[in-house]
Amino acid sequence: MPTDRLERPSTTQTRPTSGIPALLIRIQREYQEMPGLILTQAQAQRLWDIDRNTCGAVLAMLTERGFLKRTPTGTYIRAWD
């Protein structure tokens, strides 16, 4: 039996829980690299290719931590100290 065959990952595998911390760092870096970045949740979902619930949770975490601020129009901007 050949041993050089690649096995496909199972379609039932789930994302590791470390995905959220990595996503938090990624989004923070993008906001730092683009100081004028202003996004709605829907735009953020498309930009970072994440589902609605994950996006909402991550944006809420970054807002609670004081990194982001939600404007009255519903967009997310970097909160400046």
PDB file of N, CA and C in Angstrom:
ATOM      1  N   MET A   1       0.846  -1.177   0.000  1.00  0.00           N
ATOM      2  CA  MET A   1       0.000   0.000   0.000  1.00  0.00           C
ATOM      3  C   MET A   1       0.892   1.242   0.000  1.00  0.00           C
ATOM      4  N   PRO A   2       0.699   2.195  -0.914  1.00  0.00           N
ATOM      5  CA  PRO A   2       1.551   3.377  -0.987  1.00  0.00           C
ATOM      6  C   PRO A   2       1.358   4.275   0.239  1.00  0.00           C
ATOM      7  N   THR A   3       2.450   4.865   0.681  1.00  0.00           N
ATOM      8  CA  THR A   3       2.387   5.744   1.850  1.00  0.00           C
ATOM      9  C   THR A   3       2.508   7.207   1.472  1.00  0.00           C
ATOM     10  N   ASP A   4       2.615   7.502   0.181  1.00  0.00           N
ATOM     11  CA  ASP A   4       2.788   8.885  -0.235  1.00  0.00           C
ATOM     12  C   ASP A   4       1.475   9.594  -0.566  1.00  0.00           C
ATOM     13  N   ARG A   5       0.362   8.959  -0.265  1.00  0.00           N
ATOM     14  CA  ARG A   5      -0.938   9.574  -0.526  1.00  0.00           C
ATOM     15  C   ARG A   5      -1.293  10.559   0.568  1.00  0.00           C
ATOM     16  N   LEU A   6      -1.855  11.677   0.168  1.00  0.00           N
ATOM     17  CA  LEU A   6      -2.317  12.655   1.144  1.00  0.00           C
ATOM     18  C   LEU A   6      -3.742  12.322   1.551  1.00  0.00           C
ATOM     19  N   GLU A   7      -4.011  12.423   2.819  1.00  0.00           N
ATOM     20  CA  GLU A   7      -5.367  12.183   3.292  1.00  0.00           C
ATOM     21  C   GLU A   7      -6.097  13.510   3.403  1.00  0.00           C
ATOM     22  N   ARG A   8      -7.332  13.507   3.001  1.00  0.00           N
ATOM     23  CA  ARG A   8      -8.142  14.706   3.129  1.00  0.00           C
ATOM     24  C   ARG A   8      -8.618  14.826   4.571  1.00  0.00           C
ATOM     25  N   PRO A   9      -8.655  16.073   5.082  1.00  0.00           N
ATOM     26  CA  PRO A   9      -9.177  16.240   6.429  1.00  0.00           C
ATOM     27  C   PRO A   9     -10.663  15.915   6.473  1.00  0.00           C
ATOM     28  N   SER A  10     -11.105  15.475   7.601  1.00  0.00           N
ATOM     29  CA  SER A  10     -12.507  15.142   7.782  1.00  0.00           C
ATOM     30  C   SER A  10     -13.361  16.386   7.635  1.00  0.00           C
ATOM     31  N   THR A  11     -14.511  16.245   6.997  1.00  0.00           N
ATOM     32  CA  THR A  11     -15.406  17.390   6.842  1.00  0.00           C
ATOM     33  C   THR A  11     -16.139  17.689   8.142  1.00  0.00           C
ATOM     34  N   THR A  12     -16.019  16.813   9.127  1.00  0.00           N
ATOM     35  CA  THR A  12     -16.676  17.047  10.411  1.00  0.00           C
ATOM     36  C   THR A  12     -15.768  17.764  11.398  1.00  0.00           C
ATOM     37  N   GLN A  13     -14.536  18.069  10.996  1.00  0.00           N
ATOM     38  CA  GLN A  13     -13.642  18.771  11.888  1.00  0.00           C
ATOM     39  C   GLN A  13     -14.166  20.174  12.134  1.00  0.00           C
ATOM     40  N   THR A  14     -13.942  20.663  13.348  1.00  0.00           N
ATOM     41  CA  THR A  14     -14.350  22.022  13.671  1.00  0.00           C
ATOM     42  C   THR A  14     -13.117  22.884  13.839  1.00  0.00           C
ATOM     43  N   ARG A  15     -13.324  24.186  13.781  1.00  0.00           N
ATOM     44  CA  ARG A  15     -12.212  25.101  13.975  1.00  0.00           C
ATOM     45  C   ARG A  15     -11.700  24.992  15.399  1.00  0.00           C
ATOM     46  N   PRO A  16     -10.400  25.118  15.573  1.00  0.00           N
ATOM     47  CA  PRO A  16      -9.883  25.106  16.928  1.00  0.00           C
ATOM     48  C   PRO A  16     -10.329  26.369  17.662  1.00  0.00           C
ATOM     49  N   THR A  17     -10.431  26.277  18.985  1.00  0.00           N
ATOM     50  CA  THR A  17     -10.872  27.420  19.763  1.00  0.00           C
ATOM     51  C   THR A  17      -9.857  28.547  19.733  1.00  0.00           C
ATOM     52  N   SER A  18      -8.632  28.272  19.305  1.00  0.00           N
ATOM     53  CA  SER A  18      -7.627  29.319  19.214  1.00  0.00           C
ATOM     54  C   SER A  18      -7.907  30.275  18.064  1.00  0.00           C
ATOM     55  N   GLY A  19      -8.934  30.003  17.255  1.00  0.00           N
ATOM     56  CA  GLY A  19      -9.269  30.860  16.135  1.00  0.00           C
ATOM     57  C   GLY A  19      -9.717  32.248  16.549  1.00  0.00           C
ATOM     58  N   ILE A  20     -10.450  32.358  17.654  1.00  0.00           N
ATOM     59  CA  ILE A  20     -10.936  33.663  18.110  1.00  0.00           C
ATOM     60  C   ILE A  20      -9.779  34.561  18.534  1.00  0.00           C
ATOM     61  N   PRO A  21      -8.846  34.102  19.379  1.00  0.00           N
ATOM     62  CA  PRO A  21      -7.719  34.977  19.731  1.00  0.00           C
ATOM     63  C   PRO A  21      -6.922  35.426  18.508  1.00  0.00           C
ATOM     64  N   ALA A  22      -6.725  34.550  17.558  1.00  0.00           N
ATOM     65  CA  ALA A  22      -5.990  34.910  16.343  1.00  0.00           C
ATOM     66  C   ALA A  22      -6.775  35.937  15.531  1.00  0.00           C
ATOM     67  N   LEU A  23      -8.085  35.794  15.504  1.00  0.00           N
ATOM     68  CA  LEU A  23      -8.934  36.734  14.785  1.00  0.00           C
ATOM     69  C   LEU A  23      -8.910  38.108  15.452  1.00  0.00           C
ATOM     70  N   LEU A  24      -8.921  38.125  16.777  1.00  0.00           N
ATOM     71  CA  LEU A  24      -8.834  39.390  17.511  1.00  0.00           C
ATOM     72  C   LEU A  24      -7.548  40.126  17.152  1.00  0.00           C
ATOM     73  N   ILE A  25      -6.451  39.415  17.132  1.00  0.00           N
ATOM     74  CA  ILE A  25      -5.153  40.013  16.800  1.00  0.00           C
ATOM     75  C   ILE A  25      -5.159  40.513  15.361  1.00  0.00           C
ATOM     76  N   ARG A  26      -5.684  39.714  14.461  1.00  0.00           N
ATOM     77  CA  ARG A  26      -5.722  40.094  13.042  1.00  0.00           C
ATOM     78  C   ARG A  26      -6.514  41.383  12.828  1.00  0.00           C
ATOM     79  N   ILE A  27      -7.681  41.470  13.463  1.00  0.00           N
ATOM     80  CA  ILE A  27      -8.525  42.647  13.286  1.00  0.00           C
ATOM     81  C   ILE A  27      -7.872  43.871  13.912  1.00  0.00           C
ATOM     82  N   GLN A  28      -7.273  43.712  15.090  1.00  0.00           N
ATOM     83  CA  GLN A  28      -6.567  44.826  15.710  1.00  0.00           C
ATOM     84  C   GLN A  28      -5.448  45.333  14.808  1.00  0.00           C
ATOM     85  N   ARG A  29      -4.693  44.425  14.243  1.00  0.00           N
ATOM     86  CA  ARG A  29      -3.598  44.830  13.354  1.00  0.00           C
ATOM     87  C   ARG A  29      -4.111  45.564  12.123  1.00  0.00           C
ATOM     88  N   GLU A  30      -5.221  45.106  11.577  1.00  0.00           N
ATOM     89  CA  GLU A  30      -5.757  45.776  10.390  1.00  0.00           C
ATOM     90  C   GLU A  30      -6.211  47.194  10.727  1.00  0.00           C
ATOM     91  N   TYR A  31      -6.849  47.364  11.873  1.00  0.00           N
ATOM     92  CA  TYR A  31      -7.253  48.704  12.289  1.00  0.00           C
ATOM     93  C   TYR A  31      -6.034  49.584  12.574  1.00  0.00           C
ATOM     94  N   GLN A  32      -4.960  48.998  13.096  1.00  0.00           N
ATOM     95  CA  GLN A  32      -3.742  49.765  13.359  1.00  0.00           C
ATOM     96  C   GLN A  32      -3.056  50.172  12.057  1.00  0.00           C
ATOM     97  N   GLU A  33      -3.053  49.282  11.077  1.00  0.00           N
ATOM     98  CA  GLU A  33      -2.398  49.555   9.800  1.00  0.00           C
ATOM     99  C   GLU A  33      -3.195  50.527   8.929  1.00  0.00           C
ATOM    100  N   MET A  34      -4.499  50.602   9.156  1.00  0.00           N
ATOM    101  CA  MET A  34      -5.371  51.502   8.385  1.00  0.00           C
ATOM    102  C   MET A  34      -6.127  52.389   9.363  1.00  0.00           C
ATOM    103  N   PRO A  35      -5.497  53.457   9.830  1.00  0.00           N
ATOM    104  CA  PRO A  35      -6.100  54.278  10.883  1.00  0.00           C
ATOM    105  C   PRO A  35      -7.501  54.813  10.578  1.00  0.00           C
ATOM    106  N   GLY A  36      -7.845  55.015   9.351  1.00  0.00           N
ATOM    107  CA  GLY A  36      -9.165  55.541   9.013  1.00  0.00           C
ATOM    108  C   GLY A  36     -10.214  54.479   8.749  1.00  0.00           C
ATOM    109  N   LEU A  37      -9.935  53.233   9.066  1.00  0.00           N
ATOM    110  CA  LEU A  37     -10.847  52.129   8.744  1.00  0.00           C
ATOM    111  C   LEU A  37     -12.169  52.289   9.497  1.00  0.00           C
ATOM    112  N   ILE A  38     -13.253  52.273   8.747  1.00  0.00           N
ATOM    113  CA  ILE A  38     -14.610  52.374   9.295  1.00  0.00           C
ATOM    114  C   ILE A  38     -15.434  51.284   8.630  1.00  0.00           C
ATOM    115  N   LEU A  39     -15.972  50.370   9.434  1.00  0.00           N
ATOM    116  CA  LEU A  39     -16.712  49.238   8.881  1.00  0.00           C
ATOM    117  C   LEU A  39     -18.020  48.991   9.620  1.00  0.00           C
ATOM    118  N   THR A  40     -19.023  48.575   8.883  1.00  0.00           N
ATOM    119  CA  THR A  40     -20.224  48.026   9.513  1.00  0.00           C
ATOM    120  C   THR A  40     -19.923  46.564   9.817  1.00  0.00           C
ATOM    121  N   GLN A  41     -20.795  45.934  10.578  1.00  0.00           N
ATOM    122  CA  GLN A  41     -20.576  44.515  10.852  1.00  0.00           C
ATOM    123  C   GLN A  41     -20.629  43.707   9.563  1.00  0.00           C
ATOM    124  N   ALA A  42     -21.551  44.026   8.682  1.00  0.00           N
ATOM    125  CA  ALA A  42     -21.666  43.292   7.413  1.00  0.00           C
ATOM    126  C   ALA A  42     -20.393  43.434   6.578  1.00  0.00           C
ATOM    127  N   GLN A  43     -19.827  44.629   6.548  1.00  0.00           N
ATOM    128  CA  GLN A  43     -18.584  44.837   5.806  1.00  0.00           C
ATOM    129  C   GLN A  43     -17.431  44.051   6.441  1.00  0.00           C
ATOM    130  N   ALA A  44     -17.381  44.046   7.766  1.00  0.00           N
ATOM    131  CA  ALA A  44     -16.338  43.304   8.480  1.00  0.00           C
ATOM    132  C   ALA A  44     -16.459  41.806   8.183  1.00  0.00           C
ATOM    133  N   GLN A  45     -17.676  41.298   8.156  1.00  0.00           N
ATOM    134  CA  GLN A  45     -17.893  39.885   7.838  1.00  0.00           C
ATOM    135  C   GLN A  45     -17.310  39.542   6.474  1.00  0.00           C
ATOM    136  N   ARG A  46     -17.570  40.380   5.498  1.00  0.00           N
ATOM    137  CA  ARG A  46     -17.068  40.118   4.144  1.00  0.00           C
ATOM    138  C   ARG A  46     -15.554  40.275   4.076  1.00  0.00           C
ATOM    139  N   LEU A  47     -15.026  41.329   4.698  1.00  0.00           N
ATOM    140  CA  LEU A  47     -13.596  41.581   4.649  1.00  0.00           C
ATOM    141  C   LEU A  47     -12.795  40.434   5.253  1.00  0.00           C
ATOM    142  N   TRP A  48     -13.242  39.959   6.412  1.00  0.00           N
ATOM    143  CA  TRP A  48     -12.480  38.910   7.104  1.00  0.00           C
ATOM    144  C   TRP A  48     -13.056  37.512   6.889  1.00  0.00           C
ATOM    145  N   ASP A  49     -14.077  37.400   6.041  1.00  0.00           N
ATOM    146  CA  ASP A  49     -14.671  36.113   5.681  1.00  0.00           C
ATOM    147  C   ASP A  49     -15.044  35.294   6.918  1.00  0.00           C
ATOM    148  N   ILE A  50     -15.850  35.918   7.765  1.00  0.00           N
ATOM    149  CA  ILE A  50     -16.310  35.226   8.973  1.00  0.00           C
ATOM    150  C   ILE A  50     -17.829  35.307   9.058  1.00  0.00           C
ATOM    151  N   ASP A  51     -18.416  34.375   9.786  1.00  0.00           N
ATOM    152  CA  ASP A  51     -19.868  34.340   9.895  1.00  0.00           C
ATOM    153  C   ASP A  51     -20.376  35.446  10.819  1.00  0.00           C
ATOM    154  N   ARG A  52     -21.664  35.698  10.742  1.00  0.00           N
ATOM    155  CA  ARG A  52     -22.288  36.803  11.470  1.00  0.00           C
ATOM    156  C   ARG A  52     -22.072  36.709  12.981  1.00  0.00           C
ATOM    157  N   ASN A  53     -22.304  35.536  13.559  1.00  0.00           N
ATOM    158  CA  ASN A  53     -22.170  35.380  15.010  1.00  0.00           C
ATOM    159  C   ASN A  53     -20.740  35.605  15.485  1.00  0.00           C
ATOM    160  N   THR A  54     -19.778  35.029  14.770  1.00  0.00           N
ATOM    161  CA  THR A  54     -18.370  35.201  15.140  1.00  0.00           C
ATOM    162  C   THR A  54     -17.974  36.657  15.016  1.00  0.00           C
ATOM    163  N   CYS A  55     -18.380  37.284  13.936  1.00  0.00           N
ATOM    164  CA  CYS A  55     -18.042  38.683  13.708  1.00  0.00           C
ATOM    165  C   CYS A  55     -18.624  39.560  14.813  1.00  0.00           C
ATOM    166  N   GLY A  56     -19.881  39.345  15.138  1.00  0.00           N
ATOM    167  CA  GLY A  56     -20.520  40.119  16.199  1.00  0.00           C
ATOM    168  C   GLY A  56     -19.819  39.947  17.532  1.00  0.00           C
ATOM    169  N   ALA A  57     -19.428  38.714  17.832  1.00  0.00           N
ATOM    170  CA  ALA A  57     -18.742  38.436  19.099  1.00  0.00           C
ATOM    171  C   ALA A  57     -17.376  39.113  19.151  1.00  0.00           C
ATOM    172  N   VAL A  58     -16.632  39.035  18.063  1.00  0.00           N
ATOM    173  CA  VAL A  58     -15.294  39.625  18.019  1.00  0.00           C
ATOM    174  C   VAL A  58     -15.381  41.152  18.098  1.00  0.00           C
ATOM    175  N   LEU A  59     -16.298  41.746  17.355  1.00  0.00           N
ATOM    176  CA  LEU A  59     -16.451  43.198  17.413  1.00  0.00           C
ATOM    177  C   LEU A  59     -16.883  43.640  18.813  1.00  0.00           C
ATOM    178  N   ALA A  60     -17.761  42.871  19.439  1.00  0.00           N
ATOM    179  CA  ALA A  60     -18.190  43.186  20.801  1.00  0.00           C
ATOM    180  C   ALA A  60     -17.014  43.091  21.780  1.00  0.00           C
ATOM    181  N   MET A  61     -16.182  42.068  21.637  1.00  0.00           N
ATOM    182  CA  MET A  61     -15.011  41.918  22.516  1.00  0.00           C
ATOM    183  C   MET A  61     -14.061  43.100  22.371  1.00  0.00           C
ATOM    184  N   LEU A  62     -13.800  43.482  21.127  1.00  0.00           N
ATOM    185  CA  LEU A  62     -12.877  44.594  20.896  1.00  0.00           C
ATOM    186  C   LEU A  62     -13.471  45.924  21.369  1.00  0.00           C
ATOM    187  N   THR A  63     -14.781  46.035  21.326  1.00  0.00           N
ATOM    188  CA  THR A  63     -15.443  47.237  21.833  1.00  0.00           C
ATOM    189  C   THR A  63     -15.383  47.264  23.360  1.00  0.00           C
ATOM    190  N   GLU A  64     -15.666  46.127  23.993  1.00  0.00           N
ATOM    191  CA  GLU A  64     -15.603  46.031  25.453  1.00  0.00           C
ATOM    192  C   GLU A  64     -14.198  46.310  25.980  1.00  0.00           C
ATOM    193  N   ARG A  65     -13.203  45.902  25.234  1.00  0.00           N
ATOM    194  CA  ARG A  65     -11.803  46.127  25.634  1.00  0.00           C
ATOM    195  C   ARG A  65     -11.352  47.566  25.387  1.00  0.00           C
ATOM    196  N   GLY A  66     -12.188  48.331  24.700  1.00  0.00           N
ATOM    197  CA  GLY A  66     -11.859  49.718  24.429  1.00  0.00           C
ATOM    198  C   GLY A  66     -10.984  49.930  23.209  1.00  0.00           C
ATOM    199  N   PHE A  67     -10.799  48.896  22.419  1.00  0.00           N
ATOM    200  CA  PHE A  67     -10.001  49.041  21.198  1.00  0.00           C
ATOM    201  C   PHE A  67     -10.828  49.651  20.078  1.00  0.00           C
ATOM    202  N   LEU A  68     -12.087  49.201  19.965  1.00  0.00           N
ATOM    203  CA  LEU A  68     -12.989  49.739  18.956  1.00  0.00           C
ATOM    204  C   LEU A  68     -14.097  50.525  19.630  1.00  0.00           C
ATOM    205  N   LYS A  69     -14.749  51.345  18.833  1.00  0.00           N
ATOM    206  CA  LYS A  69     -15.900  52.123  19.285  1.00  0.00           C
ATOM    207  C   LYS A  69     -16.982  51.968  18.233  1.00  0.00           C
ATOM    208  N   ARG A  70     -18.212  51.758  18.684  1.00  0.00           N
ATOM    209  CA  ARG A  70     -19.341  51.672  17.748  1.00  0.00           C
ATOM    210  C   ARG A  70     -19.994  53.041  17.680  1.00  0.00           C
ATOM    211  N   THR A  71     -20.085  53.558  16.483  1.00  0.00           N
ATOM    212  CA  THR A  71     -20.657  54.888  16.293  1.00  0.00           C
ATOM    213  C   THR A  71     -22.185  54.818  16.328  1.00  0.00           C
ATOM    214  N   PRO A  72     -22.856  55.960  16.468  1.00  0.00           N
ATOM    215  CA  PRO A  72     -24.329  55.963  16.443  1.00  0.00           C
ATOM    216  C   PRO A  72     -24.918  55.409  15.147  1.00  0.00           C
ATOM    217  N   THR A  73     -24.155  55.449  14.059  1.00  0.00           N
ATOM    218  CA  THR A  73     -24.654  54.908  12.782  1.00  0.00           C
ATOM    219  C   THR A  73     -24.377  53.414  12.640  1.00  0.00           C
ATOM    220  N   GLY A  74     -23.745  52.803  13.641  1.00  0.00           N
ATOM    221  CA  GLY A  74     -23.509  51.365  13.615  1.00  0.00           C
ATOM    222  C   GLY A  74     -22.194  50.923  13.003  1.00  0.00           C
ATOM    223  N   THR A  75     -21.310  51.850  12.722  1.00  0.00           N
ATOM    224  CA  THR A  75     -20.010  51.470  12.182  1.00  0.00           C
ATOM    225  C   THR A  75     -19.019  51.306  13.331  1.00  0.00           C
ATOM    226  N   TYR A  76     -17.954  50.572  13.040  1.00  0.00           N
ATOM    227  CA  TYR A  76     -16.899  50.323  14.023  1.00  0.00           C
ATOM    228  C   TYR A  76     -15.640  51.066  13.596  1.00  0.00           C
ATOM    229  N   ILE A  77     -15.129  51.867  14.525  1.00  0.00           N
ATOM    230  CA  ILE A  77     -13.916  52.629  14.294  1.00  0.00           C
ATOM    231  C   ILE A  77     -12.957  52.355  15.450  1.00  0.00           C
ATOM    232  N   ARG A  78     -11.706  52.685  15.231  1.00  0.00           N
ATOM    233  CA  ARG A  78     -10.731  52.518  16.295  1.00  0.00           C
ATOM    234  C   ARG A  78     -10.961  53.583  17.344  1.00  0.00           C
ATOM    235  N   ALA A  79     -10.990  53.172  18.602  1.00  0.00           N
ATOM    236  CA  ALA A  79     -11.146  54.110  19.716  1.00  0.00           C
ATOM    237  C   ALA A  79      -9.774  54.658  20.051  1.00  0.00           C
ATOM    238  N   TRP A  80      -9.647  55.944  19.997  1.00  0.00           N
ATOM    239  CA  TRP A  80      -8.347  56.575  20.288  1.00  0.00           C
ATOM    240  C   TRP A  80      -8.314  56.971  21.750  1.00  0.00           C
ATOM    241  N   ASP A  81      -7.211  56.680  22.398  1.00  0.00           N
ATOM    242  CA  ASP A  81      -7.056  56.989  23.833  1.00  0.00           C
ATOM    243  C   ASP A  81      -7.019  58.469  24.086  1.00  0.00           C
TER     244      ASP A  81
END
